[in-house]
Amino acid sequence: MSYHHLEITCTFLLLIYPIFLFGLRFFRRRWMPWWLLALLMSGIGWGLLNGAAHYNRLILDEQMQAAGPNPPEELALKWKANQGRRTVASVYGWAYGLGYALLFLPPYAIGTHLRRRFKDGTEAKG
C-alpha cells in the first residue's frame, strides 16, 4: 500500500490549518478565545506533523522491503535518519505547530485593525 497520499494530505493540512483557525477567530470571536486558539494551534500542528512523519516512515519501510536484504546505502541512511525526525516531531511538534501558526498573526492583526477602522468610520477620506 502506498502512503504518499496520506503524507501529502498531512503536509497540506499542516500548511493551511492556521488560515482556517485564524479565520474562525476573525469572524467568530466568541467561539474562539485566544487560549483555545493557542491550544488548537499546538495540538493540531503536533498531530499533523506526527502524521506526516509517521507516513514518511511507512513509505521508507516499504522502500526498504522492496530493496531486499541489501538496500542502497543512501536509502539505508535515510531510513536510519528518519527515527530522529519522528522523535523530534513527537517531542517538539506542538512548538513547531504553534510557531508556524504565529507567522499568520501579522495578517490577522492587520485585518482586525482594518475592520476596526472601517467599523468606527475613521477611515481616511481621500
PDB file of N, CA and C in Angstrom:
ATOM      1  N   MET A   1       0.853  -1.192   0.000  1.00  0.00           N
ATOM      2  CA  MET A   1       0.000   0.000   0.000  1.00  0.00           C
ATOM      3  C   MET A   1       0.888   1.241   0.000  1.00  0.00           C
ATOM      4  N   SER A   2       0.495   2.200  -0.762  1.00  0.00           N
ATOM      5  CA  SER A   2       1.262   3.438  -0.842  1.00  0.00           C
ATOM      6  C   SER A   2       0.694   4.468   0.140  1.00  0.00           C
ATOM      7  N   TYR A   3       1.580   5.086   0.880  1.00  0.00           N
ATOM      8  CA  TYR A   3       1.172   6.067   1.887  1.00  0.00           C
ATOM      9  C   TYR A   3       1.463   7.499   1.442  1.00  0.00           C
ATOM     10  N   HIS A   4       1.866   7.669   0.193  1.00  0.00           N
ATOM     11  CA  HIS A   4       2.224   9.002  -0.290  1.00  0.00           C
ATOM     12  C   HIS A   4       1.068   9.986  -0.163  1.00  0.00           C
ATOM     13  N   HIS A   5      -0.126   9.546  -0.518  1.00  0.00           N
ATOM     14  CA  HIS A   5      -1.274  10.453  -0.470  1.00  0.00           C
ATOM     15  C   HIS A   5      -1.586  10.880   0.964  1.00  0.00           C
ATOM     16  N   LEU A   6      -1.378  10.010   1.928  1.00  0.00           N
ATOM     17  CA  LEU A   6      -1.630  10.379   3.329  1.00  0.00           C
ATOM     18  C   LEU A   6      -0.576  11.358   3.844  1.00  0.00           C
ATOM     19  N   GLU A   7       0.679  11.143   3.441  1.00  0.00           N
ATOM     20  CA  GLU A   7       1.738  12.073   3.840  1.00  0.00           C
ATOM     21  C   GLU A   7       1.496  13.453   3.227  1.00  0.00           C
ATOM     22  N   ILE A   8       1.103  13.481   1.970  1.00  0.00           N
ATOM     23  CA  ILE A   8       0.832  14.755   1.297  1.00  0.00           C
ATOM     24  C   ILE A   8      -0.369  15.447   1.924  1.00  0.00           C
ATOM     25  N   THR A   9      -1.386  14.691   2.294  1.00  0.00           N
ATOM     26  CA  THR A   9      -2.562  15.269   2.946  1.00  0.00           C
ATOM     27  C   THR A   9      -2.193  15.899   4.278  1.00  0.00           C
ATOM     28  N   CYS A  10      -1.420  15.193   5.082  1.00  0.00           N
ATOM     29  CA  CYS A  10      -0.984  15.753   6.379  1.00  0.00           C
ATOM     30  C   CYS A  10      -0.155  17.016   6.172  1.00  0.00           C
ATOM     31  N   THR A  11       0.728  16.988   5.204  1.00  0.00           N
ATOM     32  CA  THR A  11       1.569  18.157   4.940  1.00  0.00           C
ATOM     33  C   THR A  11       0.726  19.330   4.448  1.00  0.00           C
ATOM     34  N   PHE A  12      -0.207  19.073   3.560  1.00  0.00           N
ATOM     35  CA  PHE A  12      -1.071  20.133   3.048  1.00  0.00           C
ATOM     36  C   PHE A  12      -1.910  20.743   4.173  1.00  0.00           C
ATOM     37  N   LEU A  13      -2.499  19.894   5.002  1.00  0.00           N
ATOM     38  CA  LEU A  13      -3.297  20.404   6.126  1.00  0.00           C
ATOM     39  C   LEU A  13      -2.436  21.164   7.120  1.00  0.00           C
ATOM     40  N   LEU A  14      -1.196  20.728   7.293  1.00  0.00           N
ATOM     41  CA  LEU A  14      -0.271  21.436   8.176  1.00  0.00           C
ATOM     42  C   LEU A  14      -0.004  22.844   7.666  1.00  0.00           C
ATOM     43  N   LEU A  15       0.007  23.003   6.361  1.00  0.00           N
ATOM     44  CA  LEU A  15       0.270  24.321   5.780  1.00  0.00           C
ATOM     45  C   LEU A  15      -0.937  25.254   5.846  1.00  0.00           C
ATOM     46  N   ILE A  16      -2.156  24.706   5.852  1.00  0.00           N
ATOM     47  CA  ILE A  16      -3.328  25.585   5.780  1.00  0.00           C
ATOM     48  C   ILE A  16      -4.151  25.688   7.060  1.00  0.00           C
ATOM     49  N   TYR A  17      -3.903  24.852   8.064  1.00  0.00           N
ATOM     50  CA  TYR A  17      -4.769  24.891   9.245  1.00  0.00           C
ATOM     51  C   TYR A  17      -4.751  26.238   9.972  1.00  0.00           C
ATOM     52  N   PRO A  18      -3.622  26.987   9.999  1.00  0.00           N
ATOM     53  CA  PRO A  18      -3.680  28.285  10.685  1.00  0.00           C
ATOM     54  C   PRO A  18      -4.631  29.272  10.009  1.00  0.00           C
ATOM     55  N   ILE A  19      -4.745  29.194   8.695  1.00  0.00           N
ATOM     56  CA  ILE A  19      -5.644  30.091   7.977  1.00  0.00           C
ATOM     57  C   ILE A  19      -7.083  29.844   8.434  1.00  0.00           C
ATOM     58  N   PHE A  20      -7.457  28.592   8.527  1.00  0.00           N
ATOM     59  CA  PHE A  20      -8.802  28.246   8.969  1.00  0.00           C
ATOM     60  C   PHE A  20      -9.058  28.709  10.400  1.00  0.00           C
ATOM     61  N   LEU A  21      -8.114  28.435  11.305  1.00  0.00           N
ATOM     62  CA  LEU A  21      -8.332  28.777  12.713  1.00  0.00           C
ATOM     63  C   LEU A  21      -8.313  30.288  12.948  1.00  0.00           C
ATOM     64  N   PHE A  22      -7.385  30.997  12.306  1.00  0.00           N
ATOM     65  CA  PHE A  22      -7.393  32.457  12.439  1.00  0.00           C
ATOM     66  C   PHE A  22      -8.634  33.056  11.784  1.00  0.00           C
ATOM     67  N   GLY A  23      -9.095  32.461  10.690  1.00  0.00           N
ATOM     68  CA  GLY A  23     -10.336  32.922  10.067  1.00  0.00           C
ATOM     69  C   GLY A  23     -11.523  32.732  10.980  1.00  0.00           C
ATOM     70  N   LEU A  24     -11.569  31.605  11.657  1.00  0.00           N
ATOM     71  CA  LEU A  24     -12.637  31.365  12.623  1.00  0.00           C
ATOM     72  C   LEU A  24     -12.567  32.382  13.760  1.00  0.00           C
ATOM     73  N   ARG A  25     -11.374  32.675  14.215  1.00  0.00           N
ATOM     74  CA  ARG A  25     -11.190  33.680  15.271  1.00  0.00           C
ATOM     75  C   ARG A  25     -11.604  35.069  14.762  1.00  0.00           C
ATOM     76  N   PHE A  26     -11.276  35.376  13.525  1.00  0.00           N
ATOM     77  CA  PHE A  26     -11.572  36.687  12.952  1.00  0.00           C
ATOM     78  C   PHE A  26     -13.077  36.921  12.837  1.00  0.00           C
ATOM     79  N   PHE A  27     -13.802  35.905  12.371  1.00  0.00           N
ATOM     80  CA  PHE A  27     -15.233  36.073  12.128  1.00  0.00           C
ATOM     81  C   PHE A  27     -16.116  35.695  13.314  1.00  0.00           C
ATOM     82  N   ARG A  28     -15.649  34.841  14.193  1.00  0.00           N
ATOM     83  CA  ARG A  28     -16.440  34.390  15.342  1.00  0.00           C
ATOM     84  C   ARG A  28     -15.585  34.423  16.612  1.00  0.00           C
ATOM     85  N   ARG A  29     -15.375  35.604  17.125  1.00  0.00           N
ATOM     86  CA  ARG A  29     -14.509  35.748  18.307  1.00  0.00           C
ATOM     87  C   ARG A  29     -15.024  34.993  19.515  1.00  0.00           C
ATOM     88  N   ARG A  30     -16.316  34.961  19.704  1.00  0.00           N
ATOM     89  CA  ARG A  30     -16.872  34.287  20.884  1.00  0.00           C
ATOM     90  C   ARG A  30     -16.621  32.783  20.850  1.00  0.00           C
ATOM     91  N   TRP A  31     -16.531  32.220  19.669  1.00  0.00           N
ATOM     92  CA  TRP A  31     -16.293  30.787  19.539  1.00  0.00           C
ATOM     93  C   TRP A  31     -14.830  30.429  19.750  1.00  0.00           C
ATOM     94  N   MET A  32     -13.946  31.404  19.564  1.00  0.00           N
ATOM     95  CA  MET A  32     -12.516  31.094  19.555  1.00  0.00           C
ATOM     96  C   MET A  32     -11.737  32.083  20.425  1.00  0.00           C
ATOM     97  N   PRO A  33     -11.732  31.884  21.741  1.00  0.00           N
ATOM     98  CA  PRO A  33     -10.884  32.730  22.580  1.00  0.00           C
ATOM     99  C   PRO A  33      -9.404  32.417  22.324  1.00  0.00           C
ATOM    100  N   TRP A  34      -8.523  33.312  22.760  1.00  0.00           N
ATOM    101  CA  TRP A  34      -7.097  33.152  22.485  1.00  0.00           C
ATOM    102  C   TRP A  34      -6.531  31.859  23.056  1.00  0.00           C
ATOM    103  N   TRP A  35      -6.956  31.500  24.257  1.00  0.00           N
ATOM    104  CA  TRP A  35      -6.406  30.287  24.865  1.00  0.00           C
ATOM    105  C   TRP A  35      -6.791  29.056  24.055  1.00  0.00           C
ATOM    106  N   LEU A  36      -8.011  29.033  23.521  1.00  0.00           N
ATOM    107  CA  LEU A  36      -8.447  27.905  22.707  1.00  0.00           C
ATOM    108  C   LEU A  36      -7.710  27.892  21.368  1.00  0.00           C
ATOM    109  N   LEU A  37      -7.498  29.072  20.805  1.00  0.00           N
ATOM    110  CA  LEU A  37      -6.755  29.172  19.555  1.00  0.00           C
ATOM    111  C   LEU A  37      -5.348  28.611  19.725  1.00  0.00           C
ATOM    112  N   ALA A  38      -4.665  29.011  20.789  1.00  0.00           N
ATOM    113  CA  ALA A  38      -3.305  28.517  21.037  1.00  0.00           C
ATOM    114  C   ALA A  38      -3.300  27.005  21.270  1.00  0.00           C
ATOM    115  N   LEU A  39      -4.265  26.522  22.010  1.00  0.00           N
ATOM    116  CA  LEU A  39      -4.355  25.090  22.279  1.00  0.00           C
ATOM    117  C   LEU A  39      -4.601  24.301  20.993  1.00  0.00           C
ATOM    118  N   LEU A  40      -5.512  24.785  20.158  1.00  0.00           N
ATOM    119  CA  LEU A  40      -5.791  24.103  18.890  1.00  0.00           C
ATOM    120  C   LEU A  40      -4.606  24.187  17.931  1.00  0.00           C
ATOM    121  N   MET A  41      -3.958  25.347  17.892  1.00  0.00           N
ATOM    122  CA  MET A  41      -2.796  25.502  17.006  1.00  0.00           C
ATOM    123  C   MET A  41      -1.706  24.499  17.374  1.00  0.00           C
ATOM    124  N   SER A  42      -1.406  24.404  18.651  1.00  0.00           N
ATOM    125  CA  SER A  42      -0.340  23.489  19.055  1.00  0.00           C
ATOM    126  C   SER A  42      -0.774  22.029  18.906  1.00  0.00           C
ATOM    127  N   GLY A  43      -1.994  21.703  19.270  1.00  0.00           N
ATOM    128  CA  GLY A  43      -2.459  20.321  19.177  1.00  0.00           C
ATOM    129  C   GLY A  43      -2.610  19.821  17.753  1.00  0.00           C
ATOM    130  N   ILE A  44      -3.238  20.621  16.916  1.00  0.00           N
ATOM    131  CA  ILE A  44      -3.415  20.213  15.514  1.00  0.00           C
ATOM    132  C   ILE A  44      -2.067  20.160  14.807  1.00  0.00           C
ATOM    133  N   GLY A  45      -1.205  21.143  15.074  1.00  0.00           N
ATOM    134  CA  GLY A  45       0.132  21.135  14.481  1.00  0.00           C
ATOM    135  C   GLY A  45       0.916  19.893  14.876  1.00  0.00           C
ATOM    136  N   TRP A  46       0.835  19.530  16.161  1.00  0.00           N
ATOM    137  CA  TRP A  46       1.523  18.336  16.639  1.00  0.00           C
ATOM    138  C   TRP A  46       0.987  17.090  15.934  1.00  0.00           C
ATOM    139  N   GLY A  47      -0.323  16.974  15.852  1.00  0.00           N
ATOM    140  CA  GLY A  47      -0.921  15.804  15.221  1.00  0.00           C
ATOM    141  C   GLY A  47      -0.573  15.678  13.742  1.00  0.00           C
ATOM    142  N   LEU A  48      -0.647  16.773  13.025  1.00  0.00           N
ATOM    143  CA  LEU A  48      -0.357  16.715  11.594  1.00  0.00           C
ATOM    144  C   LEU A  48       1.122  16.479  11.317  1.00  0.00           C
ATOM    145  N   LEU A  49       1.991  17.082  12.117  1.00  0.00           N
ATOM    146  CA  LEU A  49       3.422  16.856  11.941  1.00  0.00           C
ATOM    147  C   LEU A  49       3.788  15.406  12.243  1.00  0.00           C
ATOM    148  N   ASN A  50       3.205  14.862  13.291  1.00  0.00           N
ATOM    149  CA  ASN A  50       3.442  13.448  13.608  1.00  0.00           C
ATOM    150  C   ASN A  50       2.861  12.538  12.537  1.00  0.00           C
ATOM    151  N   GLY A  51       1.711  12.908  11.998  1.00  0.00           N
ATOM    152  CA  GLY A  51       1.126  12.119  10.919  1.00  0.00           C
ATOM    153  C   GLY A  51       2.015  12.092   9.691  1.00  0.00           C
ATOM    154  N   ALA A  52       2.533  13.246   9.304  1.00  0.00           N
ATOM    155  CA  ALA A  52       3.423  13.303   8.139  1.00  0.00           C
ATOM    156  C   ALA A  52       4.695  12.501   8.389  1.00  0.00           C
ATOM    157  N   ALA A  53       5.262  12.607   9.586  1.00  0.00           N
ATOM    158  CA  ALA A  53       6.476  11.844   9.911  1.00  0.00           C
ATOM    159  C   ALA A  53       6.189  10.342   9.931  1.00  0.00           C
ATOM    160  N   HIS A  54       5.039   9.959  10.455  1.00  0.00           N
ATOM    161  CA  HIS A  54       4.664   8.538  10.515  1.00  0.00           C
ATOM    162  C   HIS A  54       4.505   7.954   9.107  1.00  0.00           C
ATOM    163  N   TYR A  55       3.797   8.651   8.260  1.00  0.00           N
ATOM    164  CA  TYR A  55       3.585   8.131   6.909  1.00  0.00           C
ATOM    165  C   TYR A  55       4.866   8.143   6.100  1.00  0.00           C
ATOM    166  N   ASN A  56       5.738   9.118   6.358  1.00  0.00           N
ATOM    167  CA  ASN A  56       7.036   9.118   5.695  1.00  0.00           C
ATOM    168  C   ASN A  56       7.836   7.887   6.105  1.00  0.00           C
ATOM    169  N   ARG A  57       7.752   7.535   7.380  1.00  0.00           N
ATOM    170  CA  ARG A  57       8.448   6.338   7.859  1.00  0.00           C
ATOM    171  C   ARG A  57       7.873   5.081   7.195  1.00  0.00           C
ATOM    172  N   LEU A  58       6.564   5.008   7.044  1.00  0.00           N
ATOM    173  CA  LEU A  58       5.965   3.848   6.379  1.00  0.00           C
ATOM    174  C   LEU A  58       6.395   3.763   4.912  1.00  0.00           C
ATOM    175  N   ILE A  59       6.522   4.897   4.270  1.00  0.00           N
ATOM    176  CA  ILE A  59       6.991   4.919   2.878  1.00  0.00           C
ATOM    177  C   ILE A  59       8.418   4.379   2.801  1.00  0.00           C
ATOM    178  N   LEU A  60       9.269   4.838   3.728  1.00  0.00           N
ATOM    179  CA  LEU A  60      10.654   4.350   3.741  1.00  0.00           C
ATOM    180  C   LEU A  60      10.715   2.864   4.072  1.00  0.00           C
ATOM    181  N   ASP A  61       9.844   2.399   4.966  1.00  0.00           N
ATOM    182  CA  ASP A  61       9.795   0.970   5.278  1.00  0.00           C
ATOM    183  C   ASP A  61       9.446   0.156   4.039  1.00  0.00           C
ATOM    184  N   GLU A  62       8.482   0.623   3.272  1.00  0.00           N
ATOM    185  CA  GLU A  62       8.114  -0.070   2.028  1.00  0.00           C
ATOM    186  C   GLU A  62       9.288  -0.113   1.053  1.00  0.00           C
ATOM    187  N   GLN A  63      10.000   1.018   0.943  1.00  0.00           N
ATOM    188  CA  GLN A  63      11.141   1.058   0.034  1.00  0.00           C
ATOM    189  C   GLN A  63      12.250   0.119   0.493  1.00  0.00           C
ATOM    190  N   MET A  64      12.447   0.027   1.805  1.00  0.00           N
ATOM    191  CA  MET A  64      13.472  -0.887   2.329  1.00  0.00           C
ATOM    192  C   MET A  64      13.085  -2.344   2.046  1.00  0.00           C
ATOM    193  N   GLN A  65      11.814  -2.673   2.217  1.00  0.00           N
ATOM    194  CA  GLN A  65      11.363  -4.043   1.938  1.00  0.00           C
ATOM    195  C   GLN A  65      11.488  -4.364   0.455  1.00  0.00           C
ATOM    196  N   ALA A  66      11.190  -3.388  -0.382  1.00  0.00           N
ATOM    197  CA  ALA A  66      11.281  -3.613  -1.830  1.00  0.00           C
ATOM    198  C   ALA A  66      12.734  -3.753  -2.277  1.00  0.00           C
ATOM    199  N   ALA A  67      13.662  -3.115  -1.554  1.00  0.00           N
ATOM    200  CA  ALA A  67      15.073  -3.168  -1.933  1.00  0.00           C
ATOM    201  C   ALA A  67      15.707  -4.509  -1.596  1.00  0.00           C
ATOM    202  N   GLY A  68      15.070  -5.261  -0.711  1.00  0.00           N
ATOM    203  CA  GLY A  68      15.608  -6.583  -0.368  1.00  0.00           C
ATOM    204  C   GLY A  68      16.634  -6.512   0.756  1.00  0.00           C
ATOM    205  N   PRO A  69      17.434  -7.577   0.886  1.00  0.00           N
ATOM    206  CA  PRO A  69      18.367  -7.655   2.014  1.00  0.00           C
ATOM    207  C   PRO A  69      19.543  -6.671   1.907  1.00  0.00           C
ATOM    208  N   ASN A  70      19.861  -6.204   0.726  1.00  0.00           N
ATOM    209  CA  ASN A  70      20.974  -5.261   0.542  1.00  0.00           C
ATOM    210  C   ASN A  70      20.469  -3.964  -0.086  1.00  0.00           C
ATOM    211  N   PRO A  71      19.854  -3.099   0.726  1.00  0.00           N
ATOM    212  CA  PRO A  71      19.342  -1.847   0.153  1.00  0.00           C
ATOM    213  C   PRO A  71      20.480  -0.886  -0.191  1.00  0.00           C
ATOM    214  N   PRO A  72      20.249   0.054  -1.090  1.00  0.00           N
ATOM    215  CA  PRO A  72      21.269   1.056  -1.389  1.00  0.00           C
ATOM    216  C   PRO A  72      21.644   1.831  -0.116  1.00  0.00           C
ATOM    217  N   GLU A  73      22.888   2.231  -0.054  1.00  0.00           N
ATOM    218  CA  GLU A  73      23.390   2.906   1.151  1.00  0.00           C
ATOM    219  C   GLU A  73      22.622   4.197   1.434  1.00  0.00           C
ATOM    220  N   GLU A  74      22.276   4.928   0.397  1.00  0.00           N
ATOM    221  CA  GLU A  74      21.535   6.182   0.580  1.00  0.00           C
ATOM    222  C   GLU A  74      20.170   5.931   1.221  1.00  0.00           C
ATOM    223  N   LEU A  75      19.492   4.904   0.778  1.00  0.00           N
ATOM    224  CA  LEU A  75      18.190   4.561   1.351  1.00  0.00           C
ATOM    225  C   LEU A  75      18.335   4.104   2.803  1.00  0.00           C
ATOM    226  N   ALA A  76      19.363   3.330   3.090  1.00  0.00           N
ATOM    227  CA  ALA A  76      19.595   2.868   4.464  1.00  0.00           C
ATOM    228  C   ALA A  76      19.871   4.048   5.393  1.00  0.00           C
ATOM    229  N   LEU A  77      20.644   5.024   4.929  1.00  0.00           N
ATOM    230  CA  LEU A  77      20.934   6.206   5.743  1.00  0.00           C
ATOM    231  C   LEU A  77      19.682   7.051   5.961  1.00  0.00           C
ATOM    232  N   LYS A  78      18.875   7.161   4.918  1.00  0.00           N
ATOM    233  CA  LYS A  78      17.607   7.889   5.035  1.00  0.00           C
ATOM    234  C   LYS A  78      16.696   7.226   6.062  1.00  0.00           C
ATOM    235  N   TRP A  79      16.647   5.908   6.010  1.00  0.00           N
ATOM    236  CA  TRP A  79      15.803   5.141   6.920  1.00  0.00           C
ATOM    237  C   TRP A  79      16.262   5.318   8.364  1.00  0.00           C
ATOM    238  N   LYS A  80      17.580   5.294   8.600  1.00  0.00           N
ATOM    239  CA  LYS A  80      18.110   5.477   9.951  1.00  0.00           C
ATOM    240  C   LYS A  80      17.878   6.896  10.458  1.00  0.00           C
ATOM    241  N   ALA A  81      18.036   7.888   9.591  1.00  0.00           N
ATOM    242  CA  ALA A  81      17.876   9.288   9.995  1.00  0.00           C
ATOM    243  C   ALA A  81      16.420   9.636  10.276  1.00  0.00           C
ATOM    244  N   ASN A  82      15.514   8.863   9.717  1.00  0.00           N
ATOM    245  CA  ASN A  82      14.098   9.153   9.895  1.00  0.00           C
ATOM    246  C   ASN A  82      13.645   8.986  11.336  1.00  0.00           C
ATOM    247  N   GLN A  83      14.307   8.133  12.103  1.00  0.00           N
ATOM    248  CA  GLN A  83      13.917   7.939  13.502  1.00  0.00           C
ATOM    249  C   GLN A  83      14.087   9.238  14.289  1.00  0.00           C
ATOM    250  N   GLY A  84      15.131   9.988  13.995  1.00  0.00           N
ATOM    251  CA  GLY A  84      15.333  11.265  14.671  1.00  0.00           C
ATOM    252  C   GLY A  84      14.230  12.258  14.334  1.00  0.00           C
ATOM    253  N   ARG A  85      13.783  12.239  13.102  1.00  0.00           N
ATOM    254  CA  ARG A  85      12.703  13.133  12.687  1.00  0.00           C
ATOM    255  C   ARG A  85      11.419  12.814  13.447  1.00  0.00           C
ATOM    256  N   ARG A  86      11.141  11.539  13.603  1.00  0.00           N
ATOM    257  CA  ARG A  86       9.929  11.146  14.330  1.00  0.00           C
ATOM    258  C   ARG A  86      10.019  11.522  15.806  1.00  0.00           C
ATOM    259  N   THR A  87      11.203  11.387  16.379  1.00  0.00           N
ATOM    260  CA  THR A  87      11.381  11.746  17.784  1.00  0.00           C
ATOM    261  C   THR A  87      11.182  13.240  17.987  1.00  0.00           C
ATOM    262  N   VAL A  88      11.776  14.039  17.122  1.00  0.00           N
ATOM    263  CA  VAL A  88      11.622  15.496  17.215  1.00  0.00           C
ATOM    264  C   VAL A  88      10.159  15.876  17.019  1.00  0.00           C
ATOM    265  N   ALA A  89       9.484  15.249  16.082  1.00  0.00           N
ATOM    266  CA  ALA A  89       8.066  15.541  15.853  1.00  0.00           C
ATOM    267  C   ALA A  89       7.227  15.169  17.068  1.00  0.00           C
ATOM    268  N   SER A  90       7.553  14.079  17.718  1.00  0.00           N
ATOM    269  CA  SER A  90       6.785  13.665  18.892  1.00  0.00           C
ATOM    270  C   SER A  90       6.987  14.594  20.077  1.00  0.00           C
ATOM    271  N   VAL A  91       8.213  15.028  20.276  1.00  0.00           N
ATOM    272  CA  VAL A  91       8.523  15.841  21.454  1.00  0.00           C
ATOM    273  C   VAL A  91       8.229  17.326  21.221  1.00  0.00           C
ATOM    274  N   TYR A  92       8.641  17.846  20.078  1.00  0.00           N
ATOM    275  CA  TYR A  92       8.539  19.286  19.829  1.00  0.00           C
ATOM    276  C   TYR A  92       7.530  19.663  18.753  1.00  0.00           C
ATOM    277  N   GLY A  93       6.697  18.736  18.337  1.00  0.00           N
ATOM    278  CA  GLY A  93       5.719  19.030  17.296  1.00  0.00           C
ATOM    279  C   GLY A  93       4.754  20.138  17.685  1.00  0.00           C
ATOM    280  N   TRP A  94       4.384  20.209  18.956  1.00  0.00           N
ATOM    281  CA  TRP A  94       3.484  21.261  19.429  1.00  0.00           C
ATOM    282  C   TRP A  94       4.119  22.639  19.234  1.00  0.00           C
ATOM    283  N   ALA A  95       5.414  22.750  19.499  1.00  0.00           N
ATOM    284  CA  ALA A  95       6.101  24.040  19.365  1.00  0.00           C
ATOM    285  C   ALA A  95       6.211  24.431  17.887  1.00  0.00           C
ATOM    286  N   TYR A  96       6.480  23.456  17.047  1.00  0.00           N
ATOM    287  CA  TYR A  96       6.541  23.734  15.622  1.00  0.00           C
ATOM    288  C   TYR A  96       5.185  24.199  15.103  1.00  0.00           C
ATOM    289  N   GLY A  97       4.129  23.510  15.522  1.00  0.00           N
ATOM    290  CA  GLY A  97       2.780  23.890  15.090  1.00  0.00           C
ATOM    291  C   GLY A  97       2.408  25.285  15.557  1.00  0.00           C
ATOM    292  N   LEU A  98       2.723  25.595  16.799  1.00  0.00           N
ATOM    293  CA  LEU A  98       2.415  26.919  17.337  1.00  0.00           C
ATOM    294  C   LEU A  98       3.285  27.991  16.692  1.00  0.00           C
ATOM    295  N   GLY A  99       4.566  27.694  16.517  1.00  0.00           N
ATOM    296  CA  GLY A  99       5.477  28.657  15.883  1.00  0.00           C
ATOM    297  C   GLY A  99       5.096  28.956  14.441  1.00  0.00           C
ATOM    298  N   TYR A 100       4.741  27.920  13.704  1.00  0.00           N
ATOM    299  CA  TYR A 100       4.317  28.130  12.316  1.00  0.00           C
ATOM    300  C   TYR A 100       3.032  28.948  12.262  1.00  0.00           C
ATOM    301  N   ALA A 101       2.122  28.671  13.171  1.00  0.00           N
ATOM    302  CA  ALA A 101       0.860  29.399  13.189  1.00  0.00           C
ATOM    303  C   ALA A 101       1.072  30.880  13.513  1.00  0.00           C
ATOM    304  N   LEU A 102       2.101  31.185  14.292  1.00  0.00           N
ATOM    305  CA  LEU A 102       2.374  32.586  14.638  1.00  0.00           C
ATOM    306  C   LEU A 102       2.764  33.417  13.419  1.00  0.00           C
ATOM    307  N   LEU A 103       3.212  32.775  12.360  1.00  0.00           N
ATOM    308  CA  LEU A 103       3.515  33.509  11.126  1.00  0.00           C
ATOM    309  C   LEU A 103       2.257  34.152  10.534  1.00  0.00           C
ATOM    310  N   PHE A 104       1.100  33.630  10.898  1.00  0.00           N
ATOM    311  CA  PHE A 104      -0.153  34.155  10.384  1.00  0.00           C
ATOM    312  C   PHE A 104      -0.747  35.223  11.300  1.00  0.00           C
ATOM    313  N   LEU A 105      -0.080  35.525  12.389  1.00  0.00           N
ATOM    314  CA  LEU A 105      -0.574  36.540  13.317  1.00  0.00           C
ATOM    315  C   LEU A 105      -0.530  37.958  12.734  1.00  0.00           C
ATOM    316  N   PRO A 106       0.537  38.391  12.036  1.00  0.00           N
ATOM    317  CA  PRO A 106       0.517  39.743  11.462  1.00  0.00           C
ATOM    318  C   PRO A 106      -0.625  39.987  10.470  1.00  0.00           C
ATOM    319  N   PRO A 107      -0.912  39.085   9.520  1.00  0.00           N
ATOM    320  CA  PRO A 107      -2.071  39.342   8.655  1.00  0.00           C
ATOM    321  C   PRO A 107      -3.389  39.411   9.435  1.00  0.00           C
ATOM    322  N   TYR A 108      -3.513  38.585  10.476  1.00  0.00           N
ATOM    323  CA  TYR A 108      -4.704  38.632  11.317  1.00  0.00           C
ATOM    324  C   TYR A 108      -4.803  39.978  12.014  1.00  0.00           C
ATOM    325  N   ALA A 109      -3.685  40.471  12.551  1.00  0.00           N
ATOM    326  CA  ALA A 109      -3.678  41.759  13.250  1.00  0.00           C
ATOM    327  C   ALA A 109      -4.013  42.899  12.292  1.00  0.00           C
ATOM    328  N   ILE A 110      -3.486  42.849  11.086  1.00  0.00           N
ATOM    329  CA  ILE A 110      -3.791  43.883  10.090  1.00  0.00           C
ATOM    330  C   ILE A 110      -5.275  43.849   9.744  1.00  0.00           C
ATOM    331  N   GLY A 111      -5.819  42.660   9.534  1.00  0.00           N
ATOM    332  CA  GLY A 111      -7.245  42.537   9.226  1.00  0.00           C
ATOM    333  C   GLY A 111      -8.118  43.047  10.362  1.00  0.00           C
ATOM    334  N   THR A 112      -7.747  42.740  11.585  1.00  0.00           N
ATOM    335  CA  THR A 112      -8.503  43.211  12.749  1.00  0.00           C
ATOM    336  C   THR A 112      -8.428  44.729  12.855  1.00  0.00           C
ATOM    337  N   HIS A 113      -7.243  45.271  12.619  1.00  0.00           N
ATOM    338  CA  HIS A 113      -7.075  46.725  12.671  1.00  0.00           C
ATOM    339  C   HIS A 113      -7.926  47.417  11.597  1.00  0.00           C
ATOM    340  N   LEU A 114      -7.891  46.884  10.382  1.00  0.00           N
ATOM    341  CA  LEU A 114      -8.682  47.480   9.301  1.00  0.00           C
ATOM    342  C   LEU A 114     -10.182  47.348   9.567  1.00  0.00           C
ATOM    343  N   ARG A 115     -10.588  46.239  10.119  1.00  0.00           N
ATOM    344  CA  ARG A 115     -12.003  46.064  10.437  1.00  0.00           C
ATOM    345  C   ARG A 115     -12.456  47.087  11.466  1.00  0.00           C
ATOM    346  N   ARG A 116     -11.634  47.313  12.476  1.00  0.00           N
ATOM    347  CA  ARG A 116     -11.982  48.312  13.499  1.00  0.00           C
ATOM    348  C   ARG A 116     -12.039  49.716  12.908  1.00  0.00           C
ATOM    349  N   ARG A 117     -11.083  50.039  12.056  1.00  0.00           N
ATOM    350  CA  ARG A 117     -11.066  51.376  11.442  1.00  0.00           C
ATOM    351  C   ARG A 117     -12.308  51.616  10.608  1.00  0.00           C
ATOM    352  N   PHE A 118     -12.658  50.663   9.779  1.00  0.00           N
ATOM    353  CA  PHE A 118     -13.814  50.846   8.913  1.00  0.00           C
ATOM    354  C   PHE A 118     -15.126  50.733   9.671  1.00  0.00           C
ATOM    355  N   LYS A 119     -15.137  49.968  10.738  1.00  0.00           N
ATOM    356  CA  LYS A 119     -16.333  49.858  11.544  1.00  0.00           C
ATOM    357  C   LYS A 119     -16.613  51.169  12.295  1.00  0.00           C
ATOM    358  N   ASP A 120     -15.561  51.808  12.778  1.00  0.00           N
ATOM    359  CA  ASP A 120     -15.698  53.066  13.504  1.00  0.00           C
ATOM    360  C   ASP A 120     -15.929  54.258  12.580  1.00  0.00           C
ATOM    361  N   GLY A 121     -15.706  54.099  11.292  1.00  0.00           N
ATOM    362  CA  GLY A 121     -15.880  55.188  10.357  1.00  0.00           C
ATOM    363  C   GLY A 121     -14.741  56.181  10.373  1.00  0.00           C
ATOM    364  N   THR A 122     -13.585  55.752  10.845  1.00  0.00           N
ATOM    365  CA  THR A 122     -12.435  56.644  10.927  1.00  0.00           C
ATOM    366  C   THR A 122     -11.465  56.452   9.772  1.00  0.00           C
ATOM    367  N   GLU A 123     -11.919  55.807   8.694  1.00  0.00           N
ATOM    368  CA  GLU A 123     -11.020  55.615   7.569  1.00  0.00           C
ATOM    369  C   GLU A 123     -10.688  56.963   6.940  1.00  0.00           C
ATOM    370  N   ALA A 124      -9.515  57.000   6.350  1.00  0.00           N
ATOM    371  CA  ALA A 124      -9.042  58.258   5.757  1.00  0.00           C
ATOM    372  C   ALA A 124      -9.897  58.611   4.541  1.00  0.00           C
ATOM    373  N   LYS A 125     -10.287  59.839   4.453  1.00  0.00           N
ATOM    374  CA  LYS A 125     -11.068  60.310   3.304  1.00  0.00           C
ATOM    375  C   LYS A 125     -10.089  60.898   2.296  1.00  0.00           C
ATOM    376  N   GLY A 126     -10.195  60.429   1.049  1.00  0.00           N
ATOM    377  CA  GLY A 126      -9.188  60.849   0.080  1.00  0.00           C
ATOM    378  C   GLY A 126      -9.684  61.600  -1.026  1.00  0.00           C
TER     379      GLY A 126
END
